[in-house]
């Protein structure tokens, strides 16, 4: 965020991905930078919320969310694939959650060389509380947009996701 004086009034301007674009840039480039700017703003707000409310990170929250959706647990490779981070990052997060009693590593019945990570009962309780508060926060964050516009945006972004996902470029 930069501050510029205009007369005697201070005007704050936000610097994000979109600030690099001009009207003469192609609309596709402007769209990309708008998406990145919005994503960055939402991620920053969610990061601040989780840190302030629960003293936790998005990475820890996301790992616990994946485990909550998979009660039989996930191995480190599966977690790294779902979270799109390295196994080393997953190991570090898992170590921290395990030391707090929120997850446990259990030997995989099918392959005794592999550990499956599962939420403990306390981990389930804590995640359920965080998930409820997180959902309320997101609802409030997007509260200024009408339901009709949210649905329309979801549809348009779904179309974009499909187009990009099916392209061979």
C-alpha atoms as a PDB file:
ATOM      1  CA  UNK A   1       0.000   0.000   0.000  1.00  0.00           C
ATOM      2  CA  UNK A   2       1.470   3.332  -0.989  1.00  0.00           C
ATOM      3  CA  UNK A   3       0.454   6.739   0.248  1.00  0.00           C
ATOM      4  CA  UNK A   4       0.404   9.813  -1.939  1.00  0.00           C
ATOM      5  CA  UNK A   5      -0.445  13.320  -0.887  1.00  0.00           C
ATOM      6  CA  UNK A   6      -2.960  15.118  -3.056  1.00  0.00           C
ATOM      7  CA  UNK A   7      -3.215  18.700  -1.849  1.00  0.00           C
ATOM      8  CA  UNK A   8      -3.685  18.340   1.891  1.00  0.00           C
ATOM      9  CA  UNK A   9      -5.489  14.999   1.599  1.00  0.00           C
ATOM     10  CA  UNK A  10      -3.650  11.648   1.872  1.00  0.00           C
ATOM     11  CA  UNK A  11      -4.834   9.101  -0.713  1.00  0.00           C
ATOM     12  CA  UNK A  12      -3.937   5.439  -0.217  1.00  0.00           C
ATOM     13  CA  UNK A  13      -3.559   3.293  -3.306  1.00  0.00           C
ATOM     14  CA  UNK A  14      -3.292  -0.470  -3.342  1.00  0.00           C
ATOM     15  CA  UNK A  15      -0.415  -2.051  -5.233  1.00  0.00           C
ATOM     16  CA  UNK A  16      -1.255  -5.507  -6.528  1.00  0.00           C
ATOM     17  CA  UNK A  17      -0.991  -7.556  -9.713  1.00  0.00           C
ATOM     18  CA  UNK A  18      -3.658  -5.480 -11.408  1.00  0.00           C
ATOM     19  CA  UNK A  19      -1.812  -2.198 -10.832  1.00  0.00           C
ATOM     20  CA  UNK A  20       0.598  -3.179 -13.623  1.00  0.00           C
ATOM     21  CA  UNK A  21      -2.096  -3.227 -16.323  1.00  0.00           C
ATOM     22  CA  UNK A  22      -3.250  -0.449 -18.625  1.00  0.00           C
ATOM     23  CA  UNK A  23      -6.358  -0.022 -20.765  1.00  0.00           C
ATOM     24  CA  UNK A  24      -4.345  -0.728 -23.903  1.00  0.00           C
ATOM     25  CA  UNK A  25      -3.408  -4.233 -22.650  1.00  0.00           C
ATOM     26  CA  UNK A  26      -5.411  -7.140 -24.036  1.00  0.00           C
ATOM     27  CA  UNK A  27      -8.572  -7.927 -22.095  1.00  0.00           C
ATOM     28  CA  UNK A  28      -7.268 -11.461 -21.352  1.00  0.00           C
ATOM     29  CA  UNK A  29      -4.203 -10.018 -19.631  1.00  0.00           C
ATOM     30  CA  UNK A  30      -6.375  -7.581 -17.674  1.00  0.00           C
ATOM     31  CA  UNK A  31      -8.631 -10.480 -16.644  1.00  0.00           C
ATOM     32  CA  UNK A  32      -5.666 -12.555 -15.452  1.00  0.00           C
ATOM     33  CA  UNK A  33      -4.306  -9.693 -13.369  1.00  0.00           C
ATOM     34  CA  UNK A  34      -7.770  -8.986 -11.902  1.00  0.00           C
ATOM     35  CA  UNK A  35      -8.069 -12.652 -10.891  1.00  0.00           C
ATOM     36  CA  UNK A  36      -4.609 -12.594  -9.299  1.00  0.00           C
ATOM     37  CA  UNK A  37      -5.374  -9.375  -7.440  1.00  0.00           C
ATOM     38  CA  UNK A  38      -8.653 -10.771  -6.083  1.00  0.00           C
ATOM     39  CA  UNK A  39      -7.023 -14.071  -5.121  1.00  0.00           C
ATOM     40  CA  UNK A  40      -4.236 -12.248  -3.320  1.00  0.00           C
ATOM     41  CA  UNK A  41      -6.651 -10.044  -1.399  1.00  0.00           C
ATOM     42  CA  UNK A  42      -8.848 -12.962  -0.340  1.00  0.00           C
ATOM     43  CA  UNK A  43      -5.827 -15.060   0.659  1.00  0.00           C
ATOM     44  CA  UNK A  44      -4.375 -12.204   2.720  1.00  0.00           C
ATOM     45  CA  UNK A  45      -7.672 -11.645   4.528  1.00  0.00           C
ATOM     46  CA  UNK A  46      -8.116 -15.372   5.250  1.00  0.00           C
ATOM     47  CA  UNK A  47      -4.472 -15.646   6.398  1.00  0.00           C
ATOM     48  CA  UNK A  48      -4.985 -12.725   8.811  1.00  0.00           C
ATOM     49  CA  UNK A  49      -8.272 -14.185  10.082  1.00  0.00           C
ATOM     50  CA  UNK A  50      -6.806 -17.645  10.779  1.00  0.00           C
ATOM     51  CA  UNK A  51      -3.742 -16.165  12.446  1.00  0.00           C
ATOM     52  CA  UNK A  52      -5.702 -13.736  14.600  1.00  0.00           C
ATOM     53  CA  UNK A  53      -8.581 -16.028  15.547  1.00  0.00           C
ATOM     54  CA  UNK A  54      -6.797 -19.398  15.841  1.00  0.00           C
ATOM     55  CA  UNK A  55      -3.046 -18.654  15.759  1.00  0.00           C
ATOM     56  CA  UNK A  56      -2.771 -20.981  12.763  1.00  0.00           C
ATOM     57  CA  UNK A  57      -1.759 -20.778   9.119  1.00  0.00           C
ATOM     58  CA  UNK A  58      -3.631 -21.467   5.904  1.00  0.00           C
ATOM     59  CA  UNK A  59      -1.338 -24.463   5.320  1.00  0.00           C
ATOM     60  CA  UNK A  60      -2.229 -26.022   8.678  1.00  0.00           C
ATOM     61  CA  UNK A  61      -5.929 -25.314   8.137  1.00  0.00           C
ATOM     62  CA  UNK A  62      -5.812 -26.833   4.630  1.00  0.00           C
ATOM     63  CA  UNK A  63      -3.991 -29.955   5.827  1.00  0.00           C
ATOM     64  CA  UNK A  64      -6.548 -30.480   8.585  1.00  0.00           C
ATOM     65  CA  UNK A  65      -9.373 -29.912   6.058  1.00  0.00           C
ATOM     66  CA  UNK A  66      -7.983 -32.658   3.813  1.00  0.00           C
ATOM     67  CA  UNK A  67      -7.791 -35.038   6.776  1.00  0.00           C
ATOM     68  CA  UNK A  68     -11.306 -34.133   7.908  1.00  0.00           C
ATOM     69  CA  UNK A  69     -12.617 -35.118   4.459  1.00  0.00           C
ATOM     70  CA  UNK A  70     -10.714 -38.436   4.603  1.00  0.00           C
ATOM     71  CA  UNK A  71     -11.317 -40.129   7.974  1.00  0.00           C
ATOM     72  CA  UNK A  72      -9.173 -43.148   6.999  1.00  0.00           C
ATOM     73  CA  UNK A  73      -6.243 -40.742   6.724  1.00  0.00           C
ATOM     74  CA  UNK A  74      -3.807 -39.861   3.970  1.00  0.00           C
ATOM     75  CA  UNK A  75      -0.170 -40.685   3.452  1.00  0.00           C
ATOM     76  CA  UNK A  76       2.404 -37.939   2.997  1.00  0.00           C
ATOM     77  CA  UNK A  77       2.449 -38.301  -0.793  1.00  0.00           C
ATOM     78  CA  UNK A  78      -1.350 -37.979  -1.004  1.00  0.00           C
ATOM     79  CA  UNK A  79      -1.267 -34.937   1.260  1.00  0.00           C
ATOM     80  CA  UNK A  80       1.449 -33.260  -0.793  1.00  0.00           C
ATOM     81  CA  UNK A  81      -0.518 -33.903  -4.006  1.00  0.00           C
ATOM     82  CA  UNK A  82      -3.771 -32.532  -2.588  1.00  0.00           C
ATOM     83  CA  UNK A  83      -2.104 -29.487  -1.054  1.00  0.00           C
ATOM     84  CA  UNK A  84       0.207 -28.971  -4.052  1.00  0.00           C
ATOM     85  CA  UNK A  85       3.291 -28.604  -1.852  1.00  0.00           C
ATOM     86  CA  UNK A  86       6.405 -30.700  -1.323  1.00  0.00           C
ATOM     87  CA  UNK A  87       6.440 -33.666   1.019  1.00  0.00           C
ATOM     88  CA  UNK A  88       8.975 -31.774   3.109  1.00  0.00           C
ATOM     89  CA  UNK A  89       6.448 -28.998   3.704  1.00  0.00           C
ATOM     90  CA  UNK A  90       3.783 -31.559   4.599  1.00  0.00           C
ATOM     91  CA  UNK A  91       6.198 -33.265   7.008  1.00  0.00           C
ATOM     92  CA  UNK A  92       6.918 -29.984   8.798  1.00  0.00           C
ATOM     93  CA  UNK A  93       3.238 -29.092   9.162  1.00  0.00           C
ATOM     94  CA  UNK A  94       2.380 -32.637  10.246  1.00  0.00           C
ATOM     95  CA  UNK A  95       5.177 -32.631  12.843  1.00  0.00           C
ATOM     96  CA  UNK A  96       3.765 -29.451  14.389  1.00  0.00           C
ATOM     97  CA  UNK A  97       0.190 -30.722  14.427  1.00  0.00           C
ATOM     98  CA  UNK A  98       1.319 -34.057  15.850  1.00  0.00           C
ATOM     99  CA  UNK A  99       3.247 -32.365  18.678  1.00  0.00           C
ATOM    100  CA  UNK A 100       0.028 -30.506  19.577  1.00  0.00           C
ATOM    101  CA  UNK A 101      -1.969 -33.757  19.623  1.00  0.00           C
ATOM    102  CA  UNK A 102      -4.119 -32.767  16.632  1.00  0.00           C
ATOM    103  CA  UNK A 103      -2.962 -35.494  14.231  1.00  0.00           C
ATOM    104  CA  UNK A 104      -1.435 -38.929  14.578  1.00  0.00           C
ATOM    105  CA  UNK A 105       0.652 -41.018  12.220  1.00  0.00           C
ATOM    106  CA  UNK A 106      -0.510 -44.633  11.918  1.00  0.00           C
ATOM    107  CA  UNK A 107       1.061 -47.494   9.987  1.00  0.00           C
ATOM    108  CA  UNK A 108      -0.844 -48.193   6.748  1.00  0.00           C
ATOM    109  CA  UNK A 109      -2.453 -51.654   6.923  1.00  0.00           C
ATOM    110  CA  UNK A 110      -1.795 -52.254   3.200  1.00  0.00           C
ATOM    111  CA  UNK A 111       1.853 -51.146   3.260  1.00  0.00           C
ATOM    112  CA  UNK A 112       3.636 -51.170   6.604  1.00  0.00           C
ATOM    113  CA  UNK A 113       6.389 -48.901   5.183  1.00  0.00           C
ATOM    114  CA  UNK A 114       3.866 -46.066   4.830  1.00  0.00           C
ATOM    115  CA  UNK A 115       2.291 -43.900   7.521  1.00  0.00           C
ATOM    116  CA  UNK A 116      -1.210 -42.521   7.228  1.00  0.00           C
ATOM    117  CA  UNK A 117      -1.915 -39.212   8.922  1.00  0.00           C
ATOM    118  CA  UNK A 118      -5.265 -38.893  10.693  1.00  0.00           C
ATOM    119  CA  UNK A 119      -6.953 -36.260  12.801  1.00  0.00           C
ATOM    120  CA  UNK A 120      -7.176 -37.131  16.488  1.00  0.00           C
ATOM    121  CA  UNK A 121     -10.455 -36.612  18.345  1.00  0.00           C
ATOM    122  CA  UNK A 122      -9.064 -33.274  19.585  1.00  0.00           C
ATOM    123  CA  UNK A 123      -7.987 -32.404  16.039  1.00  0.00           C
ATOM    124  CA  UNK A 124     -11.515 -33.137  14.814  1.00  0.00           C
ATOM    125  CA  UNK A 125     -13.018 -30.906  17.519  1.00  0.00           C
ATOM    126  CA  UNK A 126     -10.630 -28.049  16.850  1.00  0.00           C
ATOM    127  CA  UNK A 127     -11.016 -28.271  13.087  1.00  0.00           C
ATOM    128  CA  UNK A 128     -14.825 -28.363  13.318  1.00  0.00           C
ATOM    129  CA  UNK A 129     -14.745 -25.140  15.357  1.00  0.00           C
ATOM    130  CA  UNK A 130     -12.283 -23.496  12.952  1.00  0.00           C
ATOM    131  CA  UNK A 131     -14.290 -24.613   9.907  1.00  0.00           C
ATOM    132  CA  UNK A 132     -17.532 -23.123  11.295  1.00  0.00           C
ATOM    133  CA  UNK A 133     -15.870 -19.791  12.046  1.00  0.00           C
ATOM    134  CA  UNK A 134     -14.018 -19.835   8.704  1.00  0.00           C
ATOM    135  CA  UNK A 135     -17.285 -20.403   6.833  1.00  0.00           C
ATOM    136  CA  UNK A 136     -18.948 -17.497   8.670  1.00  0.00           C
ATOM    137  CA  UNK A 137     -15.956 -15.308   7.878  1.00  0.00           C
ATOM    138  CA  UNK A 138     -16.084 -16.162   4.158  1.00  0.00           C
ATOM    139  CA  UNK A 139     -19.837 -15.547   4.052  1.00  0.00           C
ATOM    140  CA  UNK A 140     -19.255 -12.117   5.613  1.00  0.00           C
ATOM    141  CA  UNK A 141     -16.306 -11.405   3.316  1.00  0.00           C
ATOM    142  CA  UNK A 142     -18.471 -11.973   0.222  1.00  0.00           C
ATOM    143  CA  UNK A 143     -21.577 -10.536   1.886  1.00  0.00           C
ATOM    144  CA  UNK A 144     -21.584  -7.343  -0.177  1.00  0.00           C
ATOM    145  CA  UNK A 145     -22.171  -9.288  -3.388  1.00  0.00           C
ATOM    146  CA  UNK A 146     -25.670 -10.469  -4.297  1.00  0.00           C
ATOM    147  CA  UNK A 147     -26.393 -14.198  -4.432  1.00  0.00           C
ATOM    148  CA  UNK A 148     -27.267 -13.784  -8.110  1.00  0.00           C
ATOM    149  CA  UNK A 149     -23.862 -12.216  -8.856  1.00  0.00           C
ATOM    150  CA  UNK A 150     -22.035 -14.861  -6.807  1.00  0.00           C
ATOM    151  CA  UNK A 151     -23.748 -17.622  -8.795  1.00  0.00           C
ATOM    152  CA  UNK A 152     -22.997 -15.868 -12.075  1.00  0.00           C
ATOM    153  CA  UNK A 153     -19.337 -15.423 -11.108  1.00  0.00           C
ATOM    154  CA  UNK A 154     -19.141 -19.102 -10.069  1.00  0.00           C
ATOM    155  CA  UNK A 155     -20.561 -20.115 -13.447  1.00  0.00           C
ATOM    156  CA  UNK A 156     -18.135 -17.901 -15.372  1.00  0.00           C
ATOM    157  CA  UNK A 157     -15.144 -19.067 -13.345  1.00  0.00           C
ATOM    158  CA  UNK A 158     -16.272 -22.679 -13.827  1.00  0.00           C
ATOM    159  CA  UNK A 159     -16.298 -22.092 -17.576  1.00  0.00           C
ATOM    160  CA  UNK A 160     -12.814 -20.555 -17.397  1.00  0.00           C
ATOM    161  CA  UNK A 161     -11.527 -23.447 -15.271  1.00  0.00           C
ATOM    162  CA  UNK A 162     -12.907 -25.960 -17.761  1.00  0.00           C
ATOM    163  CA  UNK A 163     -11.437 -24.088 -20.739  1.00  0.00           C
ATOM    164  CA  UNK A 164      -8.003 -23.805 -19.174  1.00  0.00           C
ATOM    165  CA  UNK A 165      -8.070 -27.384 -17.871  1.00  0.00           C
ATOM    166  CA  UNK A 166      -8.959 -28.847 -21.250  1.00  0.00           C
ATOM    167  CA  UNK A 167      -6.497 -26.750 -23.262  1.00  0.00           C
ATOM    168  CA  UNK A 168      -3.342 -28.430 -24.565  1.00  0.00           C
ATOM    169  CA  UNK A 169      -1.326 -25.205 -24.814  1.00  0.00           C
END
